[in-house]
Amino acid sequence: MKTARTAPKVSAAEALKLLEQAWAYYTPEPVQPVSDREPELFEYANAA
């Protein structure tokens, strides 16, 4: 019994064209700055 499917054959030029179209819609998520300081005790209490 064979259950594996093969992907349709696409030329390299067509694959690059599709990749460029998909990349045009990509927007990276903003990077949150990492804080190196230790939170104060009252900040722990306010968070709870």
N, C-alpha and C. Protein backbone atom coordinates (compact mmCIF):
# COMPACT_ATOMS: atom_id res chain seq x y z
N MET A 1 0.84 -1.17 0.00
CA MET A 1 0.00 0.00 0.00
C MET A 1 0.90 1.25 0.00
N LYS A 2 0.70 2.14 -0.96
CA LYS A 2 1.52 3.34 -1.08
C LYS A 2 0.67 4.56 -0.67
N THR A 3 1.11 5.28 0.36
CA THR A 3 0.36 6.44 0.84
C THR A 3 1.09 7.75 0.63
N ALA A 4 2.35 7.69 0.18
CA ALA A 4 3.14 8.91 -0.03
C ALA A 4 2.65 9.63 -1.27
N ARG A 5 2.57 10.95 -1.17
CA ARG A 5 2.17 11.76 -2.31
C ARG A 5 3.37 12.55 -2.81
N THR A 6 3.43 12.75 -4.09
CA THR A 6 4.52 13.53 -4.65
C THR A 6 4.02 14.94 -4.93
N ALA A 7 4.88 15.91 -4.71
CA ALA A 7 4.53 17.30 -4.97
C ALA A 7 4.53 17.54 -6.48
N PRO A 8 3.67 18.44 -6.94
CA PRO A 8 3.67 18.74 -8.38
C PRO A 8 5.00 19.37 -8.80
N LYS A 9 5.43 19.05 -9.98
CA LYS A 9 6.71 19.56 -10.50
C LYS A 9 6.53 21.02 -10.90
N VAL A 10 7.42 21.88 -10.40
CA VAL A 10 7.39 23.31 -10.71
C VAL A 10 8.79 23.70 -11.14
N SER A 11 8.87 24.52 -12.17
CA SER A 11 10.19 24.96 -12.63
C SER A 11 10.82 25.87 -11.59
N ALA A 12 12.12 25.98 -11.65
CA ALA A 12 12.84 26.82 -10.68
C ALA A 12 12.42 28.28 -10.81
N ALA A 13 12.22 28.76 -12.01
CA ALA A 13 11.83 30.15 -12.22
C ALA A 13 10.45 30.40 -11.63
N GLU A 14 9.53 29.45 -11.82
CA GLU A 14 8.18 29.59 -11.27
C GLU A 14 8.21 29.54 -9.75
N ALA A 15 9.06 28.69 -9.19
CA ALA A 15 9.19 28.58 -7.74
C ALA A 15 9.72 29.89 -7.16
N LEU A 16 10.72 30.49 -7.80
CA LEU A 16 11.24 31.77 -7.34
C LEU A 16 10.18 32.87 -7.41
N LYS A 17 9.40 32.86 -8.47
CA LYS A 17 8.34 33.85 -8.63
C LYS A 17 7.31 33.71 -7.50
N LEU A 18 6.93 32.48 -7.18
CA LEU A 18 5.97 32.25 -6.10
C LEU A 18 6.56 32.63 -4.75
N LEU A 19 7.83 32.34 -4.55
CA LEU A 19 8.50 32.69 -3.30
C LEU A 19 8.56 34.20 -3.12
N GLU A 20 8.86 34.92 -4.18
CA GLU A 20 8.92 36.39 -4.11
C GLU A 20 7.54 36.97 -3.80
N GLN A 21 6.49 36.38 -4.36
CA GLN A 21 5.13 36.84 -4.07
C GLN A 21 4.78 36.60 -2.61
N ALA A 22 5.14 35.44 -2.09
CA ALA A 22 4.84 35.13 -0.69
C ALA A 22 5.65 36.04 0.24
N TRP A 23 6.91 36.31 -0.09
CA TRP A 23 7.78 37.12 0.75
C TRP A 23 7.28 38.56 0.81
N ALA A 24 6.58 39.04 -0.23
CA ALA A 24 6.09 40.41 -0.26
C ALA A 24 5.07 40.65 0.85
N TYR A 25 4.38 39.61 1.30
CA TYR A 25 3.36 39.77 2.33
C TYR A 25 3.89 39.51 3.73
N TYR A 26 5.15 39.11 3.85
CA TYR A 26 5.74 38.81 5.16
C TYR A 26 6.07 40.09 5.90
N THR A 27 5.62 40.20 7.14
CA THR A 27 6.00 41.31 7.99
C THR A 27 6.47 40.72 9.33
N PRO A 28 7.72 40.93 9.69
CA PRO A 28 8.22 40.37 10.94
C PRO A 28 7.56 41.03 12.14
N GLU A 29 7.42 40.28 13.23
CA GLU A 29 6.87 40.83 14.44
C GLU A 29 7.89 41.75 15.09
N PRO A 30 7.42 42.83 15.73
CA PRO A 30 8.38 43.73 16.37
C PRO A 30 9.10 43.03 17.53
N VAL A 31 10.36 43.36 17.67
CA VAL A 31 11.19 42.75 18.72
C VAL A 31 10.99 43.52 20.01
N GLN A 32 10.67 42.81 21.08
CA GLN A 32 10.50 43.44 22.38
C GLN A 32 11.87 43.56 23.05
N PRO A 33 12.21 44.75 23.56
CA PRO A 33 13.50 44.88 24.25
C PRO A 33 13.50 44.07 25.54
N VAL A 34 14.64 43.47 25.82
CA VAL A 34 14.79 42.65 27.02
C VAL A 34 15.38 43.52 28.12
N SER A 35 14.73 43.51 29.27
CA SER A 35 15.19 44.30 30.40
C SER A 35 16.18 43.47 31.22
N ASP A 36 17.33 44.05 31.53
CA ASP A 36 18.35 43.35 32.30
C ASP A 36 18.24 43.61 33.80
N ARG A 37 17.38 44.53 34.19
CA ARG A 37 17.30 44.87 35.60
C ARG A 37 16.39 43.90 36.34
N GLU A 38 16.59 43.78 37.63
CA GLU A 38 15.79 42.92 38.49
C GLU A 38 14.56 43.72 38.95
N PRO A 39 13.36 43.17 38.82
CA PRO A 39 12.16 43.92 39.26
C PRO A 39 12.19 44.16 40.77
N GLU A 40 11.64 45.29 41.16
CA GLU A 40 11.53 45.62 42.59
C GLU A 40 10.44 44.76 43.23
N LEU A 41 10.47 44.65 44.56
CA LEU A 41 9.49 43.82 45.26
C LEU A 41 8.06 44.29 45.04
N PHE A 42 7.82 45.60 45.00
CA PHE A 42 6.46 46.08 44.81
C PHE A 42 5.93 45.76 43.41
N GLU A 43 6.83 45.60 42.44
CA GLU A 43 6.39 45.24 41.09
C GLU A 43 5.85 43.81 41.07
N TYR A 44 6.47 42.92 41.85
CA TYR A 44 5.94 41.57 41.97
C TYR A 44 4.54 41.60 42.60
N ALA A 45 4.35 42.42 43.63
CA ALA A 45 3.07 42.50 44.32
C ALA A 45 2.00 43.07 43.39
N ASN A 46 2.34 44.06 42.59
CA ASN A 46 1.36 44.67 41.69
C ASN A 46 0.99 43.73 40.55
N ALA A 47 1.89 42.87 40.17
CA ALA A 47 1.63 41.94 39.07
C ALA A 47 0.70 40.82 39.49
N ALA A 48 0.65 40.50 40.75
CA ALA A 48 -0.17 39.39 41.25
C ALA A 48 -1.62 39.73 41.41
